[in-house]
Amino acid sequence: MAEEKVGFFKRLVKGLSKTRDNIVAGFDSIFLGYEVIDDDFYEELEEILIMGDIGINATTSILENLKEKVEEQHIRRPVECKQLLISSIKDQMRVDSTEYEFENRKSVILVIGVNGVGKTTSVGKLAGMLKDQGKRVIMAAADTFRAAAGEQLTEWAHRAGVEIIGGQEGADPASVVYDAVAAAKARNADVLICDTAGRLHNKKNLMEELRKIYRILDKEYPEAYLETLVVLDGTTGQNALAQARQFAEVANVSGIILTKLDGTAKGGIAIAIQSELDIPVKYIGVGEKIDDLQKFDADAFVNALFGIEPEEDEGASGAEETSGEETETPKEEKKEENGGWTMFTWAADEDDENAYSEFNWPD
């Protein structure tokens, strides 16, 4: 298990290379370039933190924490501040709850997010991860307003080897969730994952849509634990923080999936989200493979950001890594009709095609 954790740590280090180059290289030049700890030193640190998309509020808290530690420990040389800075960043990322309760009981996971953030891809990867844990998973294609969303999710169901419930394009998302709940109960599924729409440009419609879904779940599936995850695109930096804040206004958000961290210099946004919103980042995406979505560990993230190797006995992350190997099954397609819903059961497939919509941030 330690080797698996270290393996993911190395992938995380590689994925955060652009962010590390953007932030840590600047830190090193400051720690080595200044001879005394003064206002100029702290101003330089502040600029690098903000430029790394850690945000003004989180940066202020980190620097205040750092100044307290410097004073308490009577630090005089800037080079001695690096470990204190790392500790201050980790302190700011502490959140009240990081449990994955949906792994331990019958659950429904609602996944919301604007077009282009990798939401549907994340649903597919999460389904594959849970299936690898031995759970029976059903996916609901309830993002009925985005063109080709159903087809994309069906492909991910095919690859993950899980069942999917869908509806016609433009259908009421709540009706798809209703049919999916019926299927989950009939099939005795462990987890139902619902890919839902997230149209932030019209909060009223989004709020009403979520209310309808919540009412259905409360009435038809009260025994199921409910988790609401928001998917954010790490490459959008502070826009991702703004989206998380807006979604939290209309939904009971319990966690964040932060995607595309392997291709951005703005990975510091993970620090800002947990520091400012007190909403845990539960998963991060550091690649396009089905096993490149992994549980988030704040300490491991900061260590990877600074290139600090994990201790062999502790590993890089508190999260277990799945093997990512897909089960060989006959490549066939089955279709069943039952009570108005259509269920497709797909065999696992190793084809790796990803379709991302163009990201359009609402005015």
Protein backbone atom coordinates (compact mmCIF):
# COMPACT_ATOMS: atom_id res chain seq x y z
CA MET A 1 0.00 0.00 0.00
CA ALA A 2 2.88 2.38 0.78
CA GLU A 3 4.23 1.81 -2.75
CA GLU A 4 0.83 2.63 -4.23
CA LYS A 5 0.63 5.84 -2.22
CA VAL A 6 4.13 6.86 -3.22
CA GLY A 7 3.23 6.05 -6.83
CA PHE A 8 0.30 8.43 -6.71
CA PHE A 9 2.46 11.00 -4.94
CA LYS A 10 4.85 10.95 -7.88
CA ARG A 11 1.96 11.44 -10.28
CA LEU A 12 0.72 14.29 -8.12
CA VAL A 13 4.16 15.89 -8.14
CA LYS A 14 4.24 15.60 -11.94
CA GLY A 15 0.70 16.94 -12.27
CA LEU A 16 1.48 19.97 -10.12
CA SER A 17 4.68 20.80 -11.97
CA LYS A 18 3.28 23.98 -13.55
CA THR A 19 1.86 25.18 -10.25
CA ARG A 20 5.10 24.35 -8.47
CA ASP A 21 7.12 26.26 -11.08
CA ASN A 22 4.75 29.19 -10.67
CA ILE A 23 4.84 29.33 -6.87
CA VAL A 24 7.71 27.44 -5.28
CA ALA A 25 10.46 28.72 -7.57
CA GLY A 26 9.50 32.23 -6.48
CA PHE A 27 9.57 31.20 -2.82
CA ASP A 28 13.05 29.75 -3.14
CA SER A 29 14.39 32.93 -4.71
CA ILE A 30 12.97 34.96 -1.82
CA PHE A 31 14.17 32.64 0.95
CA LEU A 32 17.67 32.61 -0.50
CA GLY A 33 17.72 36.18 -1.78
CA TYR A 34 16.77 38.03 1.41
CA GLU A 35 19.12 38.32 4.35
CA VAL A 36 16.59 39.66 6.88
CA ILE A 37 12.89 39.17 7.55
CA ASP A 38 11.26 42.55 6.96
CA ASP A 39 8.20 44.11 5.33
CA ASP A 40 9.71 43.75 1.86
CA PHE A 41 10.22 40.04 2.49
CA TYR A 42 6.57 39.53 3.45
CA GLU A 43 5.36 41.65 0.53
CA GLU A 44 7.29 39.45 -1.90
CA LEU A 45 5.75 36.33 -0.35
CA GLU A 46 2.30 37.89 -0.57
CA GLU A 47 2.71 38.65 -4.27
CA ILE A 48 3.76 35.09 -5.09
CA LEU A 49 0.88 33.57 -3.11
CA ILE A 50 -1.68 35.78 -4.82
CA MET A 51 -0.20 35.16 -8.26
CA GLY A 52 -0.50 31.43 -7.54
CA ASP A 53 -4.29 31.86 -7.24
CA ILE A 54 -4.28 31.20 -3.52
CA GLY A 55 -6.37 34.35 -3.19
CA ILE A 56 -6.18 37.50 -1.10
CA ASN A 57 -8.09 36.21 1.93
CA ALA A 58 -6.23 32.91 2.19
CA THR A 59 -2.90 34.68 1.56
CA THR A 60 -3.58 37.16 4.37
CA SER A 61 -4.40 34.33 6.78
CA ILE A 62 -1.31 32.34 5.76
CA LEU A 63 1.01 35.32 6.24
CA GLU A 64 -0.53 36.26 9.60
CA ASN A 65 -0.02 32.69 10.75
CA LEU A 66 3.56 32.75 9.46
CA LYS A 67 4.37 36.02 11.23
CA GLU A 68 3.08 34.61 14.53
CA LYS A 69 5.27 31.51 14.18
CA VAL A 70 8.33 33.58 13.22
CA GLU A 71 7.86 35.74 16.31
CA GLU A 72 7.13 32.84 18.66
CA GLN A 73 10.17 30.86 17.48
CA HIS A 74 12.45 33.93 17.23
CA ILE A 75 13.31 33.20 13.59
CA ARG A 76 15.77 35.72 12.13
CA ARG A 77 16.88 34.30 8.78
CA PRO A 78 14.45 34.06 5.80
CA VAL A 79 15.82 30.66 4.76
CA GLU A 80 14.50 29.25 8.05
CA CYS A 81 10.93 30.33 7.13
CA LYS A 82 10.28 27.79 4.39
CA GLN A 83 9.11 24.97 6.64
CA LEU A 84 7.06 27.44 8.68
CA LEU A 85 5.36 28.65 5.49
CA ILE A 86 4.54 25.07 4.50
CA SER A 87 3.08 24.48 7.96
CA SER A 88 1.03 27.70 7.73
CA ILE A 89 -0.42 26.67 4.36
CA LYS A 90 -1.40 23.26 5.76
CA ASP A 91 -3.04 24.94 8.75
CA GLN A 92 -5.19 27.06 6.43
CA MET A 93 -6.40 23.96 4.59
CA ARG A 94 -7.87 22.30 7.66
CA VAL A 95 -11.63 21.74 7.32
CA ASP A 96 -14.21 20.39 9.75
CA SER A 97 -15.16 17.27 7.84
CA THR A 98 -13.53 15.16 5.14
CA GLU A 99 -15.46 11.90 5.58
CA TYR A 100 -16.48 9.71 2.64
CA GLU A 101 -19.68 8.46 4.25
CA PHE A 102 -21.14 7.44 0.89
CA GLU A 103 -18.58 4.61 0.76
CA ASN A 104 -20.05 2.99 3.85
CA ARG A 105 -23.82 2.96 3.20
CA LYS A 106 -26.43 3.14 0.47
CA SER A 107 -25.99 6.58 -1.02
CA VAL A 108 -26.91 9.04 -3.73
CA ILE A 109 -24.21 11.35 -5.04
CA LEU A 110 -25.42 14.46 -6.86
CA VAL A 111 -22.69 15.94 -9.07
CA ILE A 112 -23.14 19.50 -10.31
CA GLY A 113 -20.97 21.90 -12.28
CA VAL A 114 -21.00 24.23 -15.28
CA ASN A 115 -20.23 23.01 -18.79
CA GLY A 116 -16.62 22.29 -19.57
CA VAL A 117 -15.25 21.62 -16.09
CA GLY A 118 -14.98 17.86 -16.57
CA LYS A 119 -18.15 17.03 -14.64
CA THR A 120 -19.37 14.12 -16.73
CA THR A 121 -15.83 12.73 -16.97
CA SER A 122 -15.52 12.95 -13.18
CA VAL A 123 -18.80 11.07 -12.74
CA GLY A 124 -17.47 8.27 -14.92
CA LYS A 125 -14.15 8.10 -13.09
CA LEU A 126 -15.88 8.15 -9.69
CA ALA A 127 -18.17 5.33 -10.81
CA GLY A 128 -15.16 3.29 -11.87
CA MET A 129 -13.42 3.94 -8.56
CA LEU A 130 -16.42 2.83 -6.51
CA LYS A 131 -16.96 -0.23 -8.71
CA ASP A 132 -13.35 -1.22 -8.12
CA GLN A 133 -14.17 -1.17 -4.41
CA GLY A 134 -16.71 -3.90 -5.05
CA LYS A 135 -19.79 -1.68 -5.02
CA ARG A 136 -22.77 -1.93 -7.35
CA VAL A 137 -23.01 1.47 -9.03
CA ILE A 138 -25.72 3.02 -11.19
CA MET A 139 -25.29 6.33 -13.01
CA ALA A 140 -28.11 8.73 -13.91
CA ALA A 141 -27.69 10.95 -16.97
CA ALA A 142 -29.71 13.87 -15.57
CA ASP A 143 -27.78 16.62 -17.37
CA THR A 144 -30.38 16.61 -20.12
CA PHE A 145 -29.86 20.19 -21.32
CA ARG A 146 -26.28 19.84 -22.58
CA ALA A 147 -25.94 18.44 -26.05
CA ALA A 148 -24.28 15.00 -26.15
CA ALA A 149 -24.00 14.81 -22.35
CA GLY A 150 -25.92 11.52 -22.32
CA GLU A 151 -23.72 10.01 -25.02
CA GLN A 152 -20.57 11.05 -23.17
CA LEU A 153 -21.79 9.57 -19.89
CA THR A 154 -22.84 6.39 -21.69
CA GLU A 155 -19.29 6.01 -22.98
CA TRP A 156 -17.96 6.38 -19.44
CA ALA A 157 -20.49 3.79 -18.22
CA HIS A 158 -19.18 1.52 -20.94
CA ARG A 159 -15.59 2.00 -19.79
CA ALA A 160 -16.34 1.68 -16.07
CA GLY A 161 -18.59 -1.33 -16.57
CA VAL A 162 -21.57 0.14 -14.69
CA GLU A 163 -25.25 0.63 -15.44
CA ILE A 164 -26.73 3.89 -16.65
CA ILE A 165 -30.23 5.36 -16.64
CA GLY A 166 -30.96 8.11 -19.16
CA GLY A 167 -33.73 10.14 -20.70
CA GLN A 168 -34.40 12.11 -23.84
CA GLU A 169 -32.40 15.28 -24.50
CA GLY A 170 -34.26 18.21 -22.92
CA ALA A 171 -36.24 15.96 -20.55
CA ASP A 172 -36.92 17.01 -16.97
CA PRO A 173 -33.77 16.08 -14.98
CA ALA A 174 -35.91 15.25 -11.95
CA SER A 175 -37.78 12.62 -13.95
CA VAL A 176 -34.49 10.94 -14.86
CA VAL A 177 -33.48 10.92 -11.20
CA TYR A 178 -36.88 9.43 -10.31
CA ASP A 179 -36.35 6.58 -12.80
CA ALA A 180 -32.78 6.10 -11.60
CA VAL A 181 -33.93 5.80 -7.98
CA ALA A 182 -36.41 3.12 -9.03
CA ALA A 183 -33.61 1.26 -10.81
CA ALA A 184 -31.24 1.61 -7.84
CA LYS A 185 -33.81 0.17 -5.47
CA ALA A 186 -34.77 -2.65 -7.84
CA ARG A 187 -31.12 -3.55 -8.44
CA ASN A 188 -30.13 -3.10 -4.79
CA ALA A 189 -27.39 -0.69 -5.85
CA ASP A 190 -24.88 0.57 -3.32
CA VAL A 191 -24.37 3.98 -4.92
CA LEU A 192 -26.43 6.04 -7.36
CA ILE A 193 -24.41 8.82 -9.02
CA CYS A 194 -26.46 11.55 -10.68
CA ASP A 195 -24.85 13.76 -13.32
CA THR A 196 -26.95 16.92 -12.98
CA ALA A 197 -26.90 20.27 -14.74
CA GLY A 198 -25.36 23.43 -13.32
CA ARG A 199 -26.54 26.50 -15.16
CA LEU A 200 -25.22 29.31 -12.98
CA HIS A 201 -26.39 31.99 -15.41
CA ASN A 202 -29.91 31.23 -14.22
CA LYS A 203 -29.83 30.61 -10.48
CA LYS A 204 -33.61 30.56 -10.15
CA ASN A 205 -34.02 27.66 -12.57
CA LEU A 206 -31.06 25.82 -11.06
CA MET A 207 -32.44 26.20 -7.55
CA GLU A 208 -35.86 24.96 -8.60
CA GLU A 209 -34.34 22.02 -10.47
CA LEU A 210 -32.32 20.99 -7.42
CA ARG A 211 -35.35 21.39 -5.15
CA LYS A 212 -37.32 18.97 -7.33
CA ILE A 213 -34.49 16.45 -7.25
CA TYR A 214 -34.11 16.77 -3.47
CA ARG A 215 -37.88 16.28 -3.01
CA ILE A 216 -37.82 13.11 -5.09
CA LEU A 217 -34.86 11.72 -3.18
CA ASP A 218 -36.44 12.59 0.17
CA LYS A 219 -39.72 10.93 -0.76
CA GLU A 220 -38.60 7.96 -2.84
CA TYR A 221 -35.23 7.11 -1.30
CA PRO A 222 -35.14 8.45 2.28
CA GLU A 223 -32.87 5.65 3.48
CA ALA A 224 -30.06 6.73 1.15
CA TYR A 225 -27.29 9.03 2.35
CA LEU A 226 -27.05 12.16 0.18
CA GLU A 227 -23.74 13.66 -0.95
CA THR A 228 -23.58 16.77 -3.16
CA LEU A 229 -20.31 17.33 -5.01
CA VAL A 230 -19.40 20.36 -7.14
CA VAL A 231 -16.93 19.89 -9.97
CA LEU A 232 -14.54 22.80 -10.58
CA ASP A 233 -11.95 23.31 -13.30
CA GLY A 234 -8.58 23.96 -11.66
CA THR A 235 -7.33 25.84 -14.72
CA THR A 236 -9.82 28.68 -14.12
CA GLY A 237 -8.24 29.79 -10.84
CA GLN A 238 -10.30 32.35 -8.96
CA ASN A 239 -13.29 31.71 -11.23
CA ALA A 240 -13.44 28.23 -9.71
CA LEU A 241 -13.61 29.76 -6.23
CA ALA A 242 -16.42 32.07 -7.36
CA GLN A 243 -18.34 29.12 -8.82
CA ALA A 244 -17.99 27.12 -5.61
CA ARG A 245 -19.29 30.08 -3.63
CA GLN A 246 -22.30 30.48 -5.94
CA PHE A 247 -23.19 26.78 -5.93
CA ALA A 248 -22.99 26.77 -2.14
CA GLU A 249 -25.72 29.42 -2.14
CA VAL A 250 -28.21 27.15 -3.93
CA ALA A 251 -27.21 23.65 -2.83
CA ASN A 252 -26.03 21.86 0.29
CA VAL A 253 -22.53 21.32 -1.09
CA SER A 254 -20.59 18.73 0.91
CA GLY A 255 -17.47 18.41 -1.22
CA ILE A 256 -15.47 19.54 -4.25
CA ILE A 257 -13.98 17.65 -7.18
CA LEU A 258 -11.11 19.73 -8.57
CA THR A 259 -10.16 18.72 -12.10
CA LYS A 260 -7.37 19.33 -14.62
CA LEU A 261 -4.68 20.04 -12.03
CA ASP A 262 -2.17 18.34 -14.31
CA GLY A 263 -2.34 21.15 -16.84
CA THR A 264 -2.45 24.37 -14.85
CA ALA A 265 -0.23 26.82 -13.02
CA LYS A 266 -3.23 27.71 -10.84
CA GLY A 267 -3.36 24.67 -8.58
CA GLY A 268 -3.13 26.98 -5.57
CA ILE A 269 -6.89 27.37 -5.89
CA ALA A 270 -7.26 24.17 -3.83
CA ILE A 271 -5.75 26.05 -0.91
CA ALA A 272 -8.12 28.99 -1.40
CA ILE A 273 -11.23 26.78 -1.57
CA GLN A 274 -10.60 24.96 1.69
CA SER A 275 -9.32 28.07 3.47
CA GLU A 276 -12.11 30.45 2.46
CA LEU A 277 -15.17 28.21 2.07
CA ASP A 278 -14.45 25.44 4.61
CA ILE A 279 -15.70 22.97 1.99
CA PRO A 280 -13.44 19.94 1.60
CA VAL A 281 -11.85 19.12 -1.73
CA LYS A 282 -12.64 15.40 -1.80
CA TYR A 283 -11.18 14.42 -5.15
CA ILE A 284 -8.62 15.82 -7.56
CA GLY A 285 -7.98 14.99 -11.18
CA VAL A 286 -4.35 14.82 -12.31
CA GLY A 287 -4.77 13.11 -15.68
CA GLU A 288 -7.19 11.66 -18.20
CA LYS A 289 -7.04 7.98 -17.24
CA ILE A 290 -9.93 6.47 -15.32
CA ASP A 291 -7.74 6.07 -12.21
CA ASP A 292 -6.34 9.60 -12.34
CA LEU A 293 -9.18 10.82 -10.13
CA GLN A 294 -7.99 10.31 -6.56
CA LYS A 295 -9.02 11.21 -3.04
CA PHE A 296 -7.60 14.52 -1.91
CA ASP A 297 -5.21 14.77 1.02
CA ALA A 298 -4.26 18.35 1.95
CA ASP A 299 -0.91 17.51 3.52
CA ALA A 300 0.09 15.33 0.56
CA PHE A 301 -0.99 18.10 -1.82
CA VAL A 302 1.19 20.71 -0.11
CA ASN A 303 4.09 18.26 0.11
CA ALA A 304 3.79 17.57 -3.62
CA LEU A 305 3.59 21.29 -4.30
CA PHE A 306 6.92 21.80 -2.53
CA GLY A 307 8.42 18.51 -3.75
CA ILE A 308 8.67 17.02 -0.25
CA GLU A 309 8.90 13.23 -0.41
CA PRO A 310 6.46 11.35 1.86
CA GLU A 311 7.68 9.23 4.74
CA GLU A 312 7.67 5.57 3.78
CA ASP A 313 5.53 4.55 6.75
CA GLU A 314 2.99 7.30 6.27
CA GLY A 315 2.71 7.42 2.48
CA ALA A 316 1.80 10.47 0.46
CA SER A 317 -1.90 10.42 1.03
CA GLY A 318 -4.54 9.18 3.43
CA ALA A 319 -6.49 7.97 0.43
CA GLU A 320 -6.27 4.49 -0.97
CA GLU A 321 -5.42 4.19 -4.65
CA THR A 322 -7.29 1.77 -6.81
CA SER A 323 -5.39 -0.29 -9.30
CA GLY A 324 -7.07 1.26 -12.30
CA GLU A 325 -7.20 -2.14 -14.01
CA GLU A 326 -10.51 -2.78 -15.66
CA THR A 327 -12.20 -6.15 -15.45
CA GLU A 328 -12.24 -8.15 -18.62
CA THR A 329 -15.85 -8.83 -19.56
CA PRO A 330 -17.53 -9.84 -22.80
CA LYS A 331 -17.95 -6.78 -24.98
CA GLU A 332 -21.69 -6.81 -25.36
CA GLU A 333 -24.56 -4.46 -24.77
CA LYS A 334 -27.76 -5.28 -22.94
CA LYS A 335 -30.92 -3.24 -22.84
CA GLU A 336 -33.85 -3.68 -20.49
CA GLU A 337 -37.16 -1.88 -20.31
CA ASN A 338 -38.90 -1.51 -16.96
CA GLY A 339 -41.57 0.93 -15.86
CA GLY A 340 -40.67 3.76 -18.22
CA TRP A 341 -36.91 3.73 -17.69
CA THR A 342 -34.24 2.28 -19.91
CA MET A 343 -31.14 0.66 -18.47
CA PHE A 344 -27.99 -0.04 -20.45
CA THR A 345 -25.43 -2.43 -19.03
CA TRP A 346 -22.08 -1.98 -20.69
CA ALA A 347 -18.98 -4.10 -20.72
CA ALA A 348 -15.68 -2.53 -19.71
CA ASP A 349 -13.72 -0.99 -22.56
CA GLU A 350 -10.18 0.40 -22.54
CA ASP A 351 -10.79 3.05 -25.18
CA ASP A 352 -9.79 6.41 -23.75
CA GLU A 353 -11.71 9.21 -25.37
CA ASN A 354 -12.55 12.37 -23.47
CA ALA A 355 -14.90 15.11 -24.60
CA TYR A 356 -14.75 18.44 -22.87
CA SER A 357 -17.16 21.24 -23.65
CA GLU A 358 -15.82 24.71 -24.13
CA PHE A 359 -15.76 26.54 -20.79
CA ASN A 360 -17.95 29.62 -20.81
CA TRP A 361 -17.97 31.55 -17.56
CA PRO A 362 -21.41 33.18 -17.10
CA ASP A 363 -21.62 36.95 -17.08
